[in-house]
Protein backbone atom coordinates (compact mmCIF):
# COMPACT_ATOMS: atom_id res chain seq x y z
CA UNK A 1 -82.87 -11.89 62.54
CA UNK A 2 -79.35 -13.09 61.90
CA UNK A 3 -77.75 -13.58 65.31
CA UNK A 4 -74.17 -13.10 64.15
CA UNK A 5 -74.81 -10.30 61.66
CA UNK A 6 -72.08 -7.63 61.87
CA UNK A 7 -74.06 -4.51 61.31
CA UNK A 8 -73.66 -0.96 60.32
CA UNK A 9 -74.81 17.14 58.72
CA UNK A 10 -73.96 16.60 55.37
CA UNK A 11 -72.09 19.85 55.18
CA UNK A 12 -73.04 20.78 51.63
CA UNK A 13 -70.34 22.96 50.11
CA UNK A 14 -69.33 24.65 46.92
CA UNK A 15 -65.77 25.31 45.86
CA UNK A 16 -64.91 28.99 45.88
CA UNK A 17 -63.78 30.43 42.57
CA UNK A 18 -60.01 30.57 42.18
CA UNK A 19 -58.57 34.01 42.89
CA UNK A 20 -56.11 35.77 40.60
CA UNK A 21 -52.41 35.28 41.32
CA UNK A 22 -51.84 39.02 41.38
CA UNK A 23 -52.86 40.46 44.75
CA UNK A 24 -55.96 42.64 44.17
CA UNK A 25 -56.63 45.99 45.72
CA UNK A 26 -58.93 46.25 48.75
CA UNK A 27 -61.90 47.19 46.56
CA UNK A 28 -61.29 44.35 44.10
CA UNK A 29 -60.91 41.91 47.01
CA UNK A 30 -64.39 42.84 48.15
CA UNK A 31 -65.70 42.35 44.62
CA UNK A 32 -64.12 38.88 44.36
CA UNK A 33 -65.48 37.94 47.78
CA UNK A 34 -68.95 39.07 46.80
CA UNK A 35 -68.78 36.95 43.66
CA UNK A 36 -67.49 33.84 45.48
CA UNK A 37 -69.84 34.05 48.46
CA UNK A 38 -73.24 33.82 46.80
CA UNK A 39 -75.27 32.37 49.68
CA UNK A 40 -78.43 34.24 50.57
CA UNK A 41 -79.06 36.27 53.69
CA UNK A 42 -80.65 34.47 56.64
CA UNK A 43 -84.41 35.05 56.87
CA UNK A 44 -86.17 34.82 60.23
CA UNK A 45 -88.92 32.20 60.22
CA UNK A 46 -87.75 30.49 57.00
CA UNK A 47 -87.28 26.71 57.19
CA UNK A 48 -83.68 25.58 56.82
CA UNK A 49 -82.51 21.98 56.36
CA UNK A 50 -79.22 20.63 57.70
CA UNK A 51 -76.40 21.75 55.40
CA UNK A 52 -77.98 25.06 54.40
CA UNK A 53 -75.50 27.96 54.35
CA UNK A 54 -76.58 31.57 54.99
CA UNK A 55 -75.04 34.99 55.45
CA UNK A 56 -75.84 36.76 58.73
CA UNK A 57 -74.38 40.08 59.91
CA UNK A 58 -71.46 39.77 57.49
CA UNK A 59 -70.53 36.19 58.46
CA UNK A 60 -71.51 32.76 57.13
CA UNK A 61 -73.19 29.91 59.01
CA UNK A 62 -74.08 26.31 58.15
CA UNK A 63 -77.15 24.59 59.60
CA UNK A 64 -76.13 21.62 61.75
CA UNK A 65 -79.78 20.60 62.21
CA UNK A 66 -83.11 21.37 60.53
CA UNK A 67 -84.66 24.47 62.07
CA UNK A 68 -87.48 26.99 61.45
CA UNK A 69 -85.28 30.03 60.99
CA UNK A 70 -83.59 30.32 64.37
CA UNK A 71 -80.94 33.03 64.70
CA UNK A 72 -77.45 31.76 63.73
CA UNK A 73 -75.81 33.62 66.61
CA UNK A 74 -78.36 32.72 69.28
CA UNK A 75 -79.23 29.12 68.41
CA UNK A 76 -75.69 27.73 68.25
CA UNK A 77 -76.88 24.13 68.46
CA UNK A 78 -78.60 24.63 65.11
CA UNK A 79 -75.93 26.72 63.40
CA UNK A 80 -72.15 26.68 63.19
CA UNK A 81 -69.81 29.31 61.73
CA UNK A 82 -68.42 28.41 58.33
CA UNK A 83 -66.38 29.87 55.52
CA UNK A 84 -68.30 31.13 52.53
CA UNK A 85 -67.16 28.00 50.67
CA UNK A 86 -68.80 25.82 53.30
CA UNK A 87 -65.47 24.70 54.70
CA UNK A 88 -66.13 25.37 58.37
CA UNK A 89 -63.88 27.12 60.87
CA UNK A 90 -60.78 24.98 60.32
CA UNK A 91 -61.69 23.57 56.92
CA UNK A 92 -62.88 20.05 56.10
CA UNK A 93 -59.85 18.88 54.11
CA UNK A 94 -58.16 16.56 56.58
CA UNK A 95 -57.52 13.57 54.33
CA UNK A 96 -54.00 12.02 54.34
CA UNK A 97 -51.41 12.35 51.61
CA UNK A 98 -51.33 9.61 48.99
CA UNK A 99 -48.57 7.05 49.56
CA UNK A 100 -47.10 5.13 46.65
CA UNK A 101 -47.49 1.37 47.04
CA UNK A 102 -50.05 1.60 49.87
CA UNK A 103 -53.23 -0.43 49.37
CA UNK A 104 -56.36 1.68 48.94
CA UNK A 105 -59.91 0.38 48.97
CA UNK A 106 -62.73 1.91 46.92
CA UNK A 107 -63.92 5.05 48.68
CA UNK A 108 -60.53 6.02 50.16
CA UNK A 109 -59.81 9.76 49.87
CA UNK A 110 -56.28 11.16 49.60
CA UNK A 111 -54.46 14.42 48.96
CA UNK A 112 -52.08 14.45 46.00
CA UNK A 113 -50.17 17.50 44.67
CA UNK A 114 -52.56 19.88 46.41
CA UNK A 115 -55.77 18.24 45.14
CA UNK A 116 -58.05 15.51 46.51
CA UNK A 117 -58.98 12.19 44.92
CA UNK A 118 -61.37 9.37 45.79
CA UNK A 119 -60.59 5.74 44.90
CA UNK A 120 -63.15 4.42 42.43
CA UNK A 121 -61.71 0.91 42.67
CA UNK A 122 -59.37 -0.97 45.01
CA UNK A 123 -55.75 -0.43 43.99
CA UNK A 124 -52.19 -0.96 45.27
CA UNK A 125 -51.24 2.71 45.44
CA UNK A 126 -51.47 3.76 41.80
CA UNK A 127 -50.92 7.45 41.09
CA UNK A 128 -54.20 9.44 41.26
CA UNK A 129 -53.29 11.50 38.19
CA UNK A 130 -52.07 8.62 36.02
CA UNK A 131 -54.45 5.79 36.94
CA UNK A 132 -57.66 7.68 36.32
CA UNK A 133 -59.74 4.49 36.19
CA UNK A 134 -58.83 3.92 39.82
CA UNK A 135 -59.11 7.51 41.04
CA UNK A 136 -61.54 10.38 40.56
CA UNK A 137 -61.08 14.04 41.54
CA UNK A 138 -62.88 14.78 44.81
CA UNK A 139 -64.28 17.98 46.30
CA UNK A 140 -63.03 17.83 49.89
CA UNK A 141 -66.07 19.81 51.04
CA UNK A 142 -68.33 16.95 50.00
CA UNK A 143 -69.72 18.40 46.77
CA UNK A 144 -73.26 19.56 46.14
CA UNK A 145 -75.00 22.87 46.46
CA UNK A 146 -76.23 25.09 49.25
CA UNK A 147 -78.20 22.94 51.62
CA UNK A 148 -80.95 20.38 51.51
CA UNK A 149 -78.78 17.47 50.34
CA UNK A 150 -78.93 18.36 46.65
CA UNK A 151 -75.86 16.19 45.94
CA UNK A 152 -77.66 12.92 46.76
CA UNK A 153 -78.75 11.03 43.64
CA UNK A 154 -82.14 10.35 45.25
CA UNK A 155 -84.29 13.46 45.58
CA UNK A 156 -86.54 13.96 48.57
CA UNK A 157 -89.58 13.50 46.31
CA UNK A 158 -88.22 10.16 45.10
CA UNK A 159 -87.42 9.14 48.67
CA UNK A 160 -91.01 9.88 49.68
CA UNK A 161 -92.25 7.91 46.66
CA UNK A 162 -90.16 4.93 47.76
CA UNK A 163 -91.45 5.06 51.33
CA UNK A 164 -95.05 6.38 51.27
CA UNK A 165 -95.83 4.92 54.72
CA UNK A 166 -92.49 5.46 56.43
CA UNK A 167 -92.16 6.34 60.08
CA UNK A 168 -91.49 10.07 60.42
CA UNK A 169 -88.35 9.18 62.38
CA UNK A 170 -86.60 8.11 59.17
CA UNK A 171 -86.07 11.58 57.73
CA UNK A 172 -84.52 12.35 54.39
CA UNK A 173 -82.44 15.09 56.01
CA UNK A 174 -81.14 12.56 58.55
CA UNK A 175 -79.98 10.30 55.75
CA UNK A 176 -78.29 13.14 53.88
CA UNK A 177 -76.59 14.32 57.08
CA UNK A 178 -75.36 10.78 57.79
CA UNK A 179 -73.85 10.50 54.31
CA UNK A 180 -71.25 13.13 55.21
CA UNK A 181 -69.47 10.45 57.25
CA UNK A 182 -69.30 8.14 54.21
CA UNK A 183 -68.29 10.27 51.21
CA UNK A 184 -67.93 7.30 48.84
CA UNK A 185 -71.54 6.14 49.29
CA UNK A 186 -73.64 6.80 46.15
CA UNK A 187 -70.81 9.02 44.84
CA UNK A 188 -68.56 6.38 43.32
CA UNK A 189 -68.55 5.46 39.63
CA UNK A 190 -70.91 6.54 36.88
CA UNK A 191 -74.27 8.20 37.50
CA UNK A 192 -75.92 4.84 36.84
CA UNK A 193 -73.74 3.06 39.41
CA UNK A 194 -74.37 5.80 41.97
CA UNK A 195 -78.13 5.42 41.58
CA UNK A 196 -77.91 1.63 41.61
CA UNK A 197 -76.01 1.73 44.89
CA UNK A 198 -78.50 4.13 46.45
CA UNK A 199 -81.38 1.92 45.29
CA UNK A 200 -79.67 -1.20 46.64
CA UNK A 201 -79.05 0.33 50.06
CA UNK A 202 -82.59 1.67 50.36
CA UNK A 203 -84.10 -1.59 49.11
CA UNK A 204 -82.32 -3.58 51.82
CA UNK A 205 -83.28 -0.99 54.44
CA UNK A 206 -86.89 -1.22 53.28
CA UNK A 207 -86.86 -4.99 53.64
CA UNK A 208 -85.29 -4.86 57.10
CA UNK A 209 -87.78 -2.31 58.45
CA UNK A 210 -91.01 -3.05 56.59
CA UNK A 211 -90.72 0.04 54.41
CA UNK A 212 -88.93 2.23 57.00
CA UNK A 213 -91.80 1.65 59.42
CA UNK A 214 -90.07 -0.19 62.27
CA UNK A 215 -87.36 1.60 64.25
CA UNK A 216 -86.82 -1.13 66.83
CA UNK A 217 -86.97 -4.87 66.34
CA UNK A 218 -90.41 -6.26 67.16
CA UNK A 219 -89.02 -9.15 69.20
CA UNK A 220 -86.85 -7.55 71.87
CA UNK A 221 -86.71 -10.61 74.12
CA UNK A 222 -83.45 -12.13 72.84
CA UNK A 223 -80.17 -12.07 74.74
CA UNK A 224 -77.88 -10.52 72.13
CA UNK A 225 -74.93 -10.05 74.48
CA UNK A 226 -71.70 -11.84 73.74
CA UNK A 227 -70.34 -11.83 77.29
CA UNK A 228 -66.99 -13.18 76.17
CA UNK A 229 -66.12 -9.69 74.93
CA UNK A 230 -63.96 -7.75 77.42
CA UNK A 231 -66.26 -4.73 77.37
CA UNK A 232 -69.34 -6.80 78.24
CA UNK A 233 -72.87 -5.39 77.99
CA UNK A 234 -73.08 -2.27 80.16
CA UNK A 235 -76.60 -1.44 78.91
CA UNK A 236 -77.92 -4.88 79.90
CA UNK A 237 -77.87 -8.24 78.17
CA UNK A 238 -81.22 -7.66 76.46
CA UNK A 239 -80.42 -4.10 75.28
CA UNK A 240 -78.75 -4.90 71.97
CA UNK A 241 -81.71 -5.90 69.82
CA UNK A 242 -82.08 -4.62 66.26
CA UNK A 243 -82.48 -0.90 65.66
CA UNK A 244 -82.35 1.38 62.65
CA UNK A 245 -82.46 0.88 58.86
CA UNK A 246 -80.26 -2.25 58.90
CA UNK A 247 -81.37 -3.37 62.40
CA UNK A 248 -78.03 -3.07 64.20
CA UNK A 249 -77.79 -6.01 66.64
CA UNK A 250 -75.44 -7.55 69.23
CA UNK A 251 -73.16 -5.76 71.69
CA UNK A 252 -70.05 -6.18 69.52
CA UNK A 253 -71.76 -4.46 66.59
CA UNK A 254 -72.87 -1.53 68.73
CA UNK A 255 -69.30 -1.30 70.03
CA UNK A 256 -67.71 -1.41 66.59
CA UNK A 257 -70.15 1.02 64.99
CA UNK A 258 -69.90 3.40 67.93
CA UNK A 259 -66.10 3.36 67.87
CA UNK A 260 -66.10 4.11 64.15
CA UNK A 261 -68.57 6.97 64.50
CA UNK A 262 -67.17 8.37 67.76
CA UNK A 263 -70.39 7.64 69.66
CA UNK A 264 -70.70 5.45 72.76
CA UNK A 265 -73.39 3.14 71.44
CA UNK A 266 -72.32 0.31 73.72
CA UNK A 267 -73.48 2.28 76.76
CA UNK A 268 -76.35 4.07 75.02
CA UNK A 269 -77.62 1.78 72.23
CA UNK A 270 -80.99 3.49 72.02
CA UNK A 271 -79.38 6.48 70.29
CA UNK A 272 -79.82 4.39 67.15
CA UNK A 273 -83.59 4.58 67.71
CA UNK A 274 -83.83 8.21 68.84
CA UNK A 275 -81.46 10.18 66.57
CA UNK A 276 -82.22 9.90 62.85
CA UNK A 277 -78.71 10.82 61.68
CA UNK A 278 -77.07 8.32 64.04
CA UNK A 279 -79.55 5.67 62.97
CA UNK A 280 -78.73 6.18 59.29
CA UNK A 281 -74.99 6.33 60.08
CA UNK A 282 -75.05 2.88 61.67
CA UNK A 283 -76.66 1.48 58.52
CA UNK A 284 -74.14 3.23 56.28
CA UNK A 285 -71.32 2.03 58.56
CA UNK A 286 -72.33 -1.54 57.89
CA UNK A 287 -72.91 -0.94 54.19
CA UNK A 288 -69.53 0.69 53.60
CA UNK A 289 -67.24 -1.16 56.01
CA UNK A 290 -68.59 -4.65 56.85
CA UNK A 291 -68.68 -7.88 54.86
CA UNK A 292 -70.93 -9.82 57.27
CA UNK A 293 -71.40 -13.40 56.05
CA UNK A 294 -70.33 -12.36 52.55
CA UNK A 295 -66.92 -11.75 51.01
CA UNK A 296 -67.20 -8.02 50.31
CA UNK A 297 -68.92 -4.92 51.62
CA UNK A 298 -72.27 -4.10 50.03
CA UNK A 299 -70.71 -0.84 48.80
CA UNK A 300 -67.97 -2.70 46.95
CA UNK A 301 -70.48 -5.20 45.60
CA UNK A 302 -72.35 -2.40 43.85
CA UNK A 303 -69.47 -0.19 42.68
CA UNK A 304 -67.33 -3.10 41.45
CA UNK A 305 -70.14 -4.70 39.45
CA UNK A 306 -70.74 -7.81 41.56
CA UNK A 307 -74.46 -7.09 41.66
CA UNK A 308 -77.32 -6.66 44.09
CA UNK A 309 -77.27 -10.33 45.06
CA UNK A 310 -73.93 -9.88 46.79
CA UNK A 311 -75.39 -7.13 49.01
CA UNK A 312 -77.96 -9.66 50.21
CA UNK A 313 -75.19 -12.15 50.94
CA UNK A 314 -73.28 -9.58 53.00
CA UNK A 315 -76.34 -8.60 55.03
CA UNK A 316 -78.10 -11.91 55.67
CA UNK A 317 -76.58 -14.43 53.30
CA UNK A 318 -76.11 -17.23 55.79
CA UNK A 319 -79.87 -17.43 56.28
CA UNK A 320 -81.24 -16.37 52.89
CA UNK A 321 -78.75 -17.20 50.13
CA UNK A 322 -78.02 -20.50 48.39
CA UNK A 323 -81.67 -21.50 48.69
CA UNK A 324 -81.91 -20.73 52.41
CA UNK A 325 -84.96 -18.48 52.10
CA UNK A 326 -85.80 -17.63 48.49
CA UNK A 327 -88.94 -15.70 49.45
CA UNK A 328 -86.89 -13.23 51.50
CA UNK A 329 -84.38 -12.87 48.67
CA UNK A 330 -87.19 -12.20 46.22
CA UNK A 331 -88.64 -9.56 48.54
CA UNK A 332 -85.34 -7.68 48.50
CA UNK A 333 -84.91 -8.06 44.74
CA UNK A 334 -88.44 -6.84 44.03
CA UNK A 335 -87.88 -3.75 46.12
CA UNK A 336 -84.56 -3.07 44.36
CA UNK A 337 -86.28 -3.40 40.99
CA UNK A 338 -88.94 -0.94 42.11
CA UNK A 339 -86.39 1.60 43.35
CA UNK A 340 -84.16 1.43 40.28
CA UNK A 341 -87.32 2.01 38.24
CA UNK A 342 -88.04 5.17 40.24
CA UNK A 343 -84.47 6.36 39.65
CA UNK A 344 -84.58 5.45 35.95
CA UNK A 345 -81.61 3.08 35.82
CA UNK A 346 -81.24 -0.62 34.92
CA UNK A 347 -80.85 -3.13 37.73
CA UNK A 348 -77.64 -4.65 36.43
CA UNK A 349 -76.84 -8.37 36.53
CA UNK A 350 -76.54 -10.84 39.42
CA UNK A 351 -79.70 -9.90 41.28
CA UNK A 352 -79.92 -13.09 43.31
CA UNK A 353 -77.64 -14.90 45.72
């Protein structure tokens, strides 16, 4: 395990149809509402995955967690009120206004002239409507259909094919829920690039966990506490061993990931091993925000065409790349080749580091 490695409910929504400028009568308002709000009625005893939206007693609810058909008004931990467009009580469009001349990294989301855009490539504040190579229109509700993570480029069947022996802890729904915190992941660039990024992330996670089998690091006897940090190691000096899909390690990584996600992982690091969504989020945090021993984030490596090899460098390059451990590099590459094959896309160049 790299000792200095800096590690890392999708609310599925649909955009409501635009209403006519002329104010409709009360009866026509009801007709428009009925056409825009097409989610099905809640059914007792039916299985719902996180992100599913249902109608219940004239209101709409979104599933915050998988559940076997609990009542939306009784089981409030499982359900949350939402608009019929999946926007939630106060809406989910809280992204800042675009600022001319401000530097934006790939994955940044901004509001511009009443619409939302996601940066496809790093840029120094180009206009979202003029520099279309740098910006793409973005659905501020996260895209996709009504529940079950249909917007992810990897289907649940493909996920199960990739990980036939995975630990049941690593749920597909947990991954899809975690992706809501990282809207650029596997949603940037062409369909091929999106699938290549998903394959690259899952291939590295597979390598780190033995095929999504291990939740916690096997060797938990290392002191991974950098006591020079002002916040110390409140969970104990041996508490910060690797956990999750990318094996989050060290107290400073738990602190940084927790601060980013709004979770106190420094005090309670085992949340990464007991909550599937949190576990996936820490891996996506690293993937989308950290360069590790490399020069770019793994996300940028894939969407900017630098290749799978650069994701290896960012995750464990100081030990594996430049001839450090070619067998480990080959293991990652082989898994990436397998996963791109399942998704039906080419691997792209620069597979090795």
